[in-house]
Amino acid sequence: LWNNIRLGKYYLKPMEVITSWDGRQTVQWCAEDA
């Protein structure tokens, strides 16, 4: 991961929609992107 970032070859993934227990929706980056 570090080498890809340093060389400008890292690409962010689409954010994911997360639905909570009460039906509320939020978007979240995956662990690598965060």
PDB file of all heavy atoms in Angstrom:
ATOM      1  N   LEU A   1       0.824  -1.203   0.000  1.00  0.00           N
ATOM      2  CA  LEU A   1       0.000   0.000   0.000  1.00  0.00           C
ATOM      3  C   LEU A   1       0.863   1.259   0.000  1.00  0.00           C
ATOM      4  O   LEU A   1       0.607   2.215  -0.741  1.00  0.00           O
ATOM      5  CB  LEU A   1      -0.926   0.007   1.224  1.00  0.00           C
ATOM      6  CG  LEU A   1      -2.134  -0.916   1.192  1.00  0.00           C
ATOM      7  CD1 LEU A   1      -2.843  -0.888   2.537  1.00  0.00           C
ATOM      8  CD2 LEU A   1      -3.091  -0.492   0.094  1.00  0.00           C
ATOM      9  N   TRP A   2       1.887   1.257   0.838  1.00  0.00           N
ATOM     10  CA  TRP A   2       2.756   2.427   0.949  1.00  0.00           C
ATOM     11  C   TRP A   2       3.453   2.726  -0.377  1.00  0.00           C
ATOM     12  O   TRP A   2       3.527   3.884  -0.799  1.00  0.00           O
ATOM     13  CB  TRP A   2       3.779   2.210   2.055  1.00  0.00           C
ATOM     14  CG  TRP A   2       4.904   3.213   2.029  1.00  0.00           C
ATOM     15  CD1 TRP A   2       6.215   2.983   1.776  1.00  0.00           C
ATOM     16  CD2 TRP A   2       4.776   4.617   2.260  1.00  0.00           C
ATOM     17  NE1 TRP A   2       6.933   4.145   1.827  1.00  0.00           N
ATOM     18  CE2 TRP A   2       6.074   5.169   2.122  1.00  0.00           C
ATOM     19  CE3 TRP A   2       3.720   5.464   2.564  1.00  0.00           C
ATOM     20  CZ2 TRP A   2       6.321   6.527   2.279  1.00  0.00           C
ATOM     21  CZ3 TRP A   2       3.972   6.819   2.720  1.00  0.00           C
ATOM     22  CH2 TRP A   2       5.253   7.339   2.576  1.00  0.00           C
ATOM     23  N   ASN A   3       3.928   1.716  -1.036  1.00  0.00           N
ATOM     24  CA  ASN A   3       4.615   1.916  -2.323  1.00  0.00           C
ATOM     25  C   ASN A   3       3.656   2.462  -3.383  1.00  0.00           C
ATOM     26  O   ASN A   3       4.025   3.345  -4.174  1.00  0.00           O
ATOM     27  CB  ASN A   3       5.245   0.611  -2.798  1.00  0.00           C
ATOM     28  CG  ASN A   3       6.453   0.218  -1.959  1.00  0.00           C
ATOM     29  OD1 ASN A   3       7.171   1.084  -1.441  1.00  0.00           O
ATOM     30  ND2 ASN A   3       6.690  -1.077  -1.806  1.00  0.00           N
ATOM     31  N   ASN A   4       2.427   1.948  -3.400  1.00  0.00           N
ATOM     32  CA  ASN A   4       1.455   2.453  -4.368  1.00  0.00           C
ATOM     33  C   ASN A   4       1.104   3.917  -4.111  1.00  0.00           C
ATOM     34  O   ASN A   4       0.953   4.708  -5.048  1.00  0.00           O
ATOM     35  CB  ASN A   4       0.182   1.601  -4.317  1.00  0.00           C
ATOM     36  CG  ASN A   4       0.382   0.221  -4.901  1.00  0.00           C
ATOM     37  OD1 ASN A   4       1.277   0.016  -5.733  1.00  0.00           O
ATOM     38  ND2 ASN A   4      -0.435  -0.728  -4.494  1.00  0.00           N
ATOM     39  N   ILE A   5       0.985   4.280  -2.854  1.00  0.00           N
ATOM     40  CA  ILE A   5       0.678   5.672  -2.508  1.00  0.00           C
ATOM     41  C   ILE A   5       1.833   6.584  -2.890  1.00  0.00           C
ATOM     42  O   ILE A   5       1.651   7.646  -3.509  1.00  0.00           O
ATOM     43  CB  ILE A   5       0.383   5.785  -0.997  1.00  0.00           C
ATOM     44  CG1 ILE A   5      -0.915   5.055  -0.664  1.00  0.00           C
ATOM     45  CG2 ILE A   5       0.308   7.245  -0.569  1.00  0.00           C
ATOM     46  CD1 ILE A   5      -1.123   4.861   0.810  1.00  0.00           C
ATOM     47  N   ARG A   6       3.026   6.180  -2.531  1.00  0.00           N
ATOM     48  CA  ARG A   6       4.209   7.004  -2.790  1.00  0.00           C
ATOM     49  C   ARG A   6       4.412   7.231  -4.284  1.00  0.00           C
ATOM     50  O   ARG A   6       4.869   8.305  -4.709  1.00  0.00           O
ATOM     51  CB  ARG A   6       5.434   6.309  -2.172  1.00  0.00           C
ATOM     52  CG  ARG A   6       6.733   7.075  -2.295  1.00  0.00           C
ATOM     53  CD  ARG A   6       7.809   6.381  -1.471  1.00  0.00           C
ATOM     54  NE  ARG A   6       7.923   4.978  -1.808  1.00  0.00           N
ATOM     55  CZ  ARG A   6       8.652   4.519  -2.808  1.00  0.00           C
ATOM     56  NH1 ARG A   6       9.340   5.348  -3.583  1.00  0.00           N
ATOM     57  NH2 ARG A   6       8.731   3.214  -3.040  1.00  0.00           N
ATOM     58  N   LEU A   7       4.069   6.237  -5.087  1.00  0.00           N
ATOM     59  CA  LEU A   7       4.248   6.333  -6.536  1.00  0.00           C
ATOM     60  C   LEU A   7       3.019   6.889  -7.250  1.00  0.00           C
ATOM     61  O   LEU A   7       2.999   6.991  -8.475  1.00  0.00           O
ATOM     62  CB  LEU A   7       4.583   4.946  -7.103  1.00  0.00           C
ATOM     63  CG  LEU A   7       5.877   4.307  -6.586  1.00  0.00           C
ATOM     64  CD1 LEU A   7       6.022   2.891  -7.108  1.00  0.00           C
ATOM     65  CD2 LEU A   7       7.095   5.145  -6.992  1.00  0.00           C
ATOM     66  N   GLY A   8       1.988   7.254  -6.478  1.00  0.00           N
ATOM     67  CA  GLY A   8       0.771   7.805  -7.079  1.00  0.00           C
ATOM     68  C   GLY A   8      -0.063   6.777  -7.806  1.00  0.00           C
ATOM     69  O   GLY A   8      -0.793   7.114  -8.750  1.00  0.00           O
ATOM     70  N   LYS A   9      -0.002   5.504  -7.368  1.00  0.00           N
ATOM     71  CA  LYS A   9      -0.726   4.441  -8.042  1.00  0.00           C
ATOM     72  C   LYS A   9      -1.866   3.869  -7.209  1.00  0.00           C
ATOM     73  O   LYS A   9      -2.428   2.832  -7.537  1.00  0.00           O
ATOM     74  CB  LYS A   9       0.245   3.306  -8.411  1.00  0.00           C
ATOM     75  CG  LYS A   9       1.312   3.718  -9.420  1.00  0.00           C
ATOM     76  CD  LYS A   9       2.215   2.538  -9.757  1.00  0.00           C
ATOM     77  CE  LYS A   9       3.275   2.927 -10.783  1.00  0.00           C
ATOM     78  NZ  LYS A   9       4.156   1.783 -11.120  1.00  0.00           N
ATOM     79  N   TYR A  10      -2.196   4.557  -6.119  1.00  0.00           N
ATOM     80  CA  TYR A  10      -3.293   4.062  -5.279  1.00  0.00           C
ATOM     81  C   TYR A  10      -4.606   4.682  -5.750  1.00  0.00           C
ATOM     82  O   TYR A  10      -4.665   5.872  -6.058  1.00  0.00           O
ATOM     83  CB  TYR A  10      -3.061   4.404  -3.810  1.00  0.00           C
ATOM     84  CG  TYR A  10      -4.122   3.814  -2.902  1.00  0.00           C
ATOM     85  CD1 TYR A  10      -4.003   2.524  -2.424  1.00  0.00           C
ATOM     86  CD2 TYR A  10      -5.246   4.548  -2.554  1.00  0.00           C
ATOM     87  CE1 TYR A  10      -4.974   1.963  -1.619  1.00  0.00           C
ATOM     88  CE2 TYR A  10      -6.229   4.003  -1.741  1.00  0.00           C
ATOM     89  CZ  TYR A  10      -6.081   2.707  -1.280  1.00  0.00           C
ATOM     90  OH  TYR A  10      -7.057   2.162  -0.481  1.00  0.00           O
ATOM     91  N   TYR A  11      -5.677   3.872  -5.759  1.00  0.00           N
ATOM     92  CA  TYR A  11      -6.976   4.343  -6.219  1.00  0.00           C
ATOM     93  C   TYR A  11      -8.030   4.060  -5.143  1.00  0.00           C
ATOM     94  O   TYR A  11      -8.164   2.922  -4.675  1.00  0.00           O
ATOM     95  CB  TYR A  11      -7.363   3.659  -7.529  1.00  0.00           C
ATOM     96  CG  TYR A  11      -6.376   3.952  -8.636  1.00  0.00           C
ATOM     97  CD1 TYR A  11      -5.376   3.037  -8.958  1.00  0.00           C
ATOM     98  CD2 TYR A  11      -6.435   5.156  -9.324  1.00  0.00           C
ATOM     99  CE1 TYR A  11      -4.454   3.318  -9.958  1.00  0.00           C
ATOM    100  CE2 TYR A  11      -5.516   5.439 -10.326  1.00  0.00           C
ATOM    101  CZ  TYR A  11      -4.532   4.529 -10.637  1.00  0.00           C
ATOM    102  OH  TYR A  11      -3.615   4.820 -11.614  1.00  0.00           O
ATOM    103  N   LEU A  12      -8.734   5.108  -4.751  1.00  0.00           N
ATOM    104  CA  LEU A  12      -9.789   4.970  -3.751  1.00  0.00           C
ATOM    105  C   LEU A  12     -10.957   4.166  -4.309  1.00  0.00           C
ATOM    106  O   LEU A  12     -11.300   4.285  -5.480  1.00  0.00           O
ATOM    107  CB  LEU A  12     -10.282   6.351  -3.317  1.00  0.00           C
ATOM    108  CG  LEU A  12      -9.262   7.280  -2.662  1.00  0.00           C
ATOM    109  CD1 LEU A  12      -9.893   8.645  -2.396  1.00  0.00           C
ATOM    110  CD2 LEU A  12      -8.725   6.688  -1.371  1.00  0.00           C
ATOM    111  N   LYS A  13     -11.552   3.376  -3.456  1.00  0.00           N
ATOM    112  CA  LYS A  13     -12.706   2.576  -3.845  1.00  0.00           C
ATOM    113  C   LYS A  13     -13.991   3.376  -3.610  1.00  0.00           C
ATOM    114  O   LYS A  13     -13.994   4.343  -2.856  1.00  0.00           O
ATOM    115  CB  LYS A  13     -12.723   1.275  -3.042  1.00  0.00           C
ATOM    116  CG  LYS A  13     -11.444   0.456  -3.203  1.00  0.00           C
ATOM    117  CD  LYS A  13     -11.383  -0.653  -2.196  1.00  0.00           C
ATOM    118  CE  LYS A  13     -10.029  -1.348  -2.235  1.00  0.00           C
ATOM    119  NZ  LYS A  13      -8.927  -0.421  -1.847  1.00  0.00           N
ATOM    120  N   PRO A  14     -15.086   2.988  -4.240  1.00  0.00           N
ATOM    121  CA  PRO A  14     -16.362   3.673  -3.970  1.00  0.00           C
ATOM    122  C   PRO A  14     -16.748   3.538  -2.500  1.00  0.00           C
ATOM    123  O   PRO A  14     -16.491   2.508  -1.869  1.00  0.00           O
ATOM    124  CB  PRO A  14     -17.356   2.934  -4.867  1.00  0.00           C
ATOM    125  CG  PRO A  14     -16.515   2.326  -5.947  1.00  0.00           C
ATOM    126  CD  PRO A  14     -15.213   1.968  -5.295  1.00  0.00           C
ATOM    127  N   MET A  15     -17.358   4.570  -1.956  1.00  0.00           N
ATOM    128  CA  MET A  15     -17.839   4.508  -0.583  1.00  0.00           C
ATOM    129  C   MET A  15     -19.023   3.555  -0.489  1.00  0.00           C
ATOM    130  O   MET A  15     -19.783   3.392  -1.444  1.00  0.00           O
ATOM    131  CB  MET A  15     -18.247   5.904  -0.101  1.00  0.00           C
ATOM    132  CG  MET A  15     -17.116   6.910  -0.076  1.00  0.00           C
ATOM    133  SD  MET A  15     -17.607   8.479   0.688  1.00  0.00           S
ATOM    134  CE  MET A  15     -17.679   8.001   2.406  1.00  0.00           C
ATOM    135  N   GLU A  16     -19.165   2.919   0.669  1.00  0.00           N
ATOM    136  CA  GLU A  16     -20.242   1.958   0.875  1.00  0.00           C
ATOM    137  C   GLU A  16     -21.365   2.596   1.686  1.00  0.00           C
ATOM    138  O   GLU A  16     -21.117   3.382   2.597  1.00  0.00           O
ATOM    139  CB  GLU A  16     -19.719   0.740   1.632  1.00  0.00           C
ATOM    140  CG  GLU A  16     -18.593   0.008   0.927  1.00  0.00           C
ATOM    141  CD  GLU A  16     -18.055  -1.128   1.769  1.00  0.00           C
ATOM    142  OE1 GLU A  16     -18.810  -2.096   1.998  1.00  0.00           O
ATOM    143  OE2 GLU A  16     -16.911  -1.038   2.221  1.00  0.00           O
ATOM    144  N   VAL A  17     -22.600   2.250   1.346  1.00  0.00           N
ATOM    145  CA  VAL A  17     -23.764   2.716   2.100  1.00  0.00           C
ATOM    146  C   VAL A  17     -24.000   1.757   3.262  1.00  0.00           C
ATOM    147  O   VAL A  17     -24.163   0.552   3.067  1.00  0.00           O
ATOM    148  CB  VAL A  17     -25.013   2.799   1.204  1.00  0.00           C
ATOM    149  CG1 VAL A  17     -26.234   3.206   2.024  1.00  0.00           C
ATOM    150  CG2 VAL A  17     -24.778   3.792   0.069  1.00  0.00           C
ATOM    151  N   ILE A  18     -24.025   2.295   4.482  1.00  0.00           N
ATOM    152  CA  ILE A  18     -24.230   1.497   5.689  1.00  0.00           C
ATOM    153  C   ILE A  18     -25.592   1.850   6.278  1.00  0.00           C
ATOM    154  O   ILE A  18     -25.899   3.023   6.494  1.00  0.00           O
ATOM    155  CB  ILE A  18     -23.131   1.768   6.735  1.00  0.00           C
ATOM    156  CG1 ILE A  18     -21.741   1.577   6.116  1.00  0.00           C
ATOM    157  CG2 ILE A  18     -23.331   0.880   7.950  1.00  0.00           C
ATOM    158  CD1 ILE A  18     -21.459   0.170   5.662  1.00  0.00           C
ATOM    159  N   THR A  19     -26.422   0.838   6.534  1.00  0.00           N
ATOM    160  CA  THR A  19     -27.734   1.044   7.140  1.00  0.00           C
ATOM    161  C   THR A  19     -27.680   0.635   8.604  1.00  0.00           C
ATOM    162  O   THR A  19     -27.331  -0.499   8.920  1.00  0.00           O
ATOM    163  CB  THR A  19     -28.817   0.232   6.411  1.00  0.00           C
ATOM    164  OG1 THR A  19     -28.823   0.587   5.017  1.00  0.00           O
ATOM    165  CG2 THR A  19     -30.186   0.518   6.997  1.00  0.00           C
ATOM    166  N   SER A  20     -28.034   1.559   9.505  1.00  0.00           N
ATOM    167  CA  SER A  20     -27.976   1.284  10.941  1.00  0.00           C
ATOM    168  C   SER A  20     -29.225   0.533  11.391  1.00  0.00           C
ATOM    169  O   SER A  20     -30.154   0.296  10.622  1.00  0.00           O
ATOM    170  CB  SER A  20     -27.844   2.593  11.727  1.00  0.00           C
ATOM    171  OG  SER A  20     -28.968   3.423  11.509  1.00  0.00           O
ATOM    172  N   TRP A  21     -29.262   0.173  12.661  1.00  0.00           N
ATOM    173  CA  TRP A  21     -30.371  -0.614  13.222  1.00  0.00           C
ATOM    174  C   TRP A  21     -31.703   0.123  13.116  1.00  0.00           C
ATOM    175  O   TRP A  21     -32.750  -0.510  13.056  1.00  0.00           O
ATOM    176  CB  TRP A  21     -30.073  -0.930  14.688  1.00  0.00           C
ATOM    177  CG  TRP A  21     -29.948   0.304  15.544  1.00  0.00           C
ATOM    178  CD1 TRP A  21     -28.824   1.034  15.759  1.00  0.00           C
ATOM    179  CD2 TRP A  21     -30.997   0.947  16.271  1.00  0.00           C
ATOM    180  NE1 TRP A  21     -29.088   2.108  16.580  1.00  0.00           N
ATOM    181  CE2 TRP A  21     -30.426   2.071  16.913  1.00  0.00           C
ATOM    182  CE3 TRP A  21     -32.350   0.702  16.451  1.00  0.00           C
ATOM    183  CZ2 TRP A  21     -31.164   2.937  17.718  1.00  0.00           C
ATOM    184  CZ3 TRP A  21     -33.092   1.569  17.256  1.00  0.00           C
ATOM    185  CH2 TRP A  21     -32.502   2.657  17.874  1.00  0.00           C
ATOM    186  N   ASP A  22     -31.660   1.476  13.138  1.00  0.00           N
ATOM    187  CA  ASP A  22     -32.910   2.229  13.087  1.00  0.00           C
ATOM    188  C   ASP A  22     -33.264   2.688  11.680  1.00  0.00           C
ATOM    189  O   ASP A  22     -34.142   3.527  11.496  1.00  0.00           O
ATOM    190  CB  ASP A  22     -32.831   3.442  14.018  1.00  0.00           C
ATOM    191  CG  ASP A  22     -31.641   4.341  13.700  1.00  0.00           C
ATOM    192  OD1 ASP A  22     -30.852   3.986  12.807  1.00  0.00           O
ATOM    193  OD2 ASP A  22     -31.508   5.401  14.336  1.00  0.00           O
ATOM    194  N   GLY A  23     -32.571   2.137  10.668  1.00  0.00           N
ATOM    195  CA  GLY A  23     -32.897   2.452   9.286  1.00  0.00           C
ATOM    196  C   GLY A  23     -32.167   3.640   8.696  1.00  0.00           C
ATOM    197  O   GLY A  23     -32.348   3.949   7.514  1.00  0.00           O
ATOM    198  N   ARG A  24     -31.346   4.319   9.468  1.00  0.00           N
ATOM    199  CA  ARG A  24     -30.612   5.463   8.955  1.00  0.00           C
ATOM    200  C   ARG A  24     -29.446   4.993   8.077  1.00  0.00           C
ATOM    201  O   ARG A  24     -28.780   4.008   8.391  1.00  0.00           O
ATOM    202  CB  ARG A  24     -30.073   6.316  10.104  1.00  0.00           C
ATOM    203  CG  ARG A  24     -31.158   6.927  10.983  1.00  0.00           C
ATOM    204  CD  ARG A  24     -30.548   7.735  12.112  1.00  0.00           C
ATOM    205  NE  ARG A  24     -31.570   8.260  13.011  1.00  0.00           N
ATOM    206  CZ  ARG A  24     -31.299   8.959  14.108  1.00  0.00           C
ATOM    207  NH1 ARG A  24     -30.035   9.205  14.438  1.00  0.00           N
ATOM    208  NH2 ARG A  24     -32.288   9.395  14.869  1.00  0.00           N
ATOM    209  N   GLN A  25     -29.213   5.729   7.015  1.00  0.00           N
ATOM    210  CA  GLN A  25     -28.153   5.360   6.084  1.00  0.00           C
ATOM    211  C   GLN A  25     -27.003   6.365   6.127  1.00  0.00           C
ATOM    212  O   GLN A  25     -27.236   7.581   6.151  1.00  0.00           O
ATOM    213  CB  GLN A  25     -28.696   5.264   4.652  1.00  0.00           C
ATOM    214  CG  GLN A  25     -29.597   4.073   4.409  1.00  0.00           C
ATOM    215  CD  GLN A  25     -29.956   3.902   2.959  1.00  0.00           C
ATOM    216  OE1 GLN A  25     -30.047   4.863   2.203  1.00  0.00           O
ATOM    217  NE2 GLN A  25     -30.166   2.668   2.531  1.00  0.00           N
ATOM    218  N   THR A  26     -25.795   5.845   6.154  1.00  0.00           N
ATOM    219  CA  THR A  26     -24.594   6.667   6.078  1.00  0.00           C
ATOM    220  C   THR A  26     -23.644   6.018   5.075  1.00  0.00           C
ATOM    221  O   THR A  26     -23.819   4.859   4.691  1.00  0.00           O
ATOM    222  CB  THR A  26     -23.897   6.773   7.442  1.00  0.00           C
ATOM    223  OG1 THR A  26     -23.574   5.443   7.928  1.00  0.00           O
ATOM    224  CG2 THR A  26     -24.780   7.472   8.461  1.00  0.00           C
ATOM    225  N   VAL A  27     -22.660   6.783   4.628  1.00  0.00           N
ATOM    226  CA  VAL A  27     -21.651   6.233   3.726  1.00  0.00           C
ATOM    227  C   VAL A  27     -20.314   6.165   4.454  1.00  0.00           C
ATOM    228  O   VAL A  27     -20.027   6.991   5.314  1.00  0.00           O
ATOM    229  CB  VAL A  27     -21.518   7.076   2.440  1.00  0.00           C
ATOM    230  CG1 VAL A  27     -22.729   6.911   1.563  1.00  0.00           C
ATOM    231  CG2 VAL A  27     -21.296   8.537   2.769  1.00  0.00           C
ATOM    232  N   GLN A  28     -19.508   5.185   4.102  1.00  0.00           N
ATOM    233  CA  GLN A  28     -18.262   4.950   4.821  1.00  0.00           C
ATOM    234  C   GLN A  28     -17.180   4.470   3.869  1.00  0.00           C
ATOM    235  O   GLN A  28     -17.439   3.686   2.952  1.00  0.00           O
ATOM    236  CB  GLN A  28     -18.491   3.912   5.926  1.00  0.00           C
ATOM    237  CG  GLN A  28     -17.247   3.538   6.705  1.00  0.00           C
ATOM    238  CD  GLN A  28     -17.545   2.547   7.801  1.00  0.00           C
ATOM    239  OE1 GLN A  28     -17.954   2.903   8.894  1.00  0.00           O
ATOM    240  NE2 GLN A  28     -17.352   1.269   7.505  1.00  0.00           N
ATOM    241  N   TRP A  29     -15.963   4.942   4.096  1.00  0.00           N
ATOM    242  CA  TRP A  29     -14.809   4.455   3.348  1.00  0.00           C
ATOM    243  C   TRP A  29     -14.392   3.101   3.895  1.00  0.00           C
ATOM    244  O   TRP A  29     -14.557   2.837   5.088  1.00  0.00           O
ATOM    245  CB  TRP A  29     -13.624   5.415   3.475  1.00  0.00           C
ATOM    246  CG  TRP A  29     -13.840   6.771   2.886  1.00  0.00           C
ATOM    247  CD1 TRP A  29     -14.167   7.912   3.554  1.00  0.00           C
ATOM    248  CD2 TRP A  29     -13.736   7.140   1.505  1.00  0.00           C
ATOM    249  NE1 TRP A  29     -14.281   8.958   2.675  1.00  0.00           N
ATOM    250  CE2 TRP A  29     -14.021   8.520   1.414  1.00  0.00           C
ATOM    251  CE3 TRP A  29     -13.442   6.437   0.343  1.00  0.00           C
ATOM    252  CZ2 TRP A  29     -14.012   9.213   0.212  1.00  0.00           C
ATOM    253  CZ3 TRP A  29     -13.431   7.128  -0.860  1.00  0.00           C
ATOM    254  CH2 TRP A  29     -13.704   8.486  -0.930  1.00  0.00           C
ATOM    255  N   CYS A  30     -13.835   2.268   3.053  1.00  0.00           N
ATOM    256  CA  CYS A  30     -13.285   0.997   3.525  1.00  0.00           C
ATOM    257  C   CYS A  30     -12.044   1.287   4.368  1.00  0.00           C
ATOM    258  O   CYS A  30     -11.542   2.413   4.402  1.00  0.00           O
ATOM    259  CB  CYS A  30     -12.948   0.083   2.355  1.00  0.00           C
ATOM    260  SG  CYS A  30     -11.553   0.637   1.334  1.00  0.00           S
ATOM    261  N   ALA A  31     -11.540   0.271   5.072  1.00  0.00           N
ATOM    262  CA  ALA A  31     -10.435   0.470   6.004  1.00  0.00           C
ATOM    263  C   ALA A  31      -9.185   1.009   5.302  1.00  0.00           C
ATOM    264  O   ALA A  31      -8.516   1.918   5.808  1.00  0.00           O
ATOM    265  CB  ALA A  31     -10.114  -0.846   6.713  1.00  0.00           C
ATOM    266  N   GLU A  32      -8.851   0.458   4.132  1.00  0.00           N
ATOM    267  CA  GLU A  32      -7.662   0.912   3.405  1.00  0.00           C
ATOM    268  C   GLU A  32      -7.786   2.385   3.025  1.00  0.00           C
ATOM    269  O   GLU A  32      -6.852   3.160   3.193  1.00  0.00           O
ATOM    270  CB  GLU A  32      -7.452   0.065   2.150  1.00  0.00           C
ATOM    271  CG  GLU A  32      -6.949  -1.340   2.423  1.00  0.00           C
ATOM    272  CD  GLU A  32      -6.653  -2.078   1.125  1.00  0.00           C
ATOM    273  OE1 GLU A  32      -6.757  -1.454   0.048  1.00  0.00           O
ATOM    274  OE2 GLU A  32      -6.318  -3.270   1.193  1.00  0.00           O
ATOM    275  N   ASP A  33      -8.953   2.769   2.503  1.00  0.00           N
ATOM    276  CA  ASP A  33      -9.146   4.152   2.082  1.00  0.00           C
ATOM    277  C   ASP A  33      -9.136   5.103   3.274  1.00  0.00           C
ATOM    278  O   ASP A  33      -8.606   6.214   3.185  1.00  0.00           O
ATOM    279  CB  ASP A  33     -10.458   4.295   1.314  1.00  0.00           C
ATOM    280  CG  ASP A  33     -10.404   3.612  -0.040  1.00  0.00           C
ATOM    281  OD1 ASP A  33      -9.307   3.229  -0.467  1.00  0.00           O
ATOM    282  OD2 ASP A  33     -11.466   3.459  -0.675  1.00  0.00           O
ATOM    283  N   ALA A  34      -9.737   4.693   4.391  1.00  0.00           N
ATOM    284  CA  ALA A  34      -9.719   5.524   5.593  1.00  0.00           C
ATOM    285  C   ALA A  34      -8.290   5.753   6.066  1.00  0.00           C
ATOM    286  O   ALA A  34      -7.917   6.856   6.496  1.00  0.00           O
ATOM    287  CB  ALA A  34     -10.545   4.871   6.695  1.00  0.00           C
TER     288      ALA A  34
END
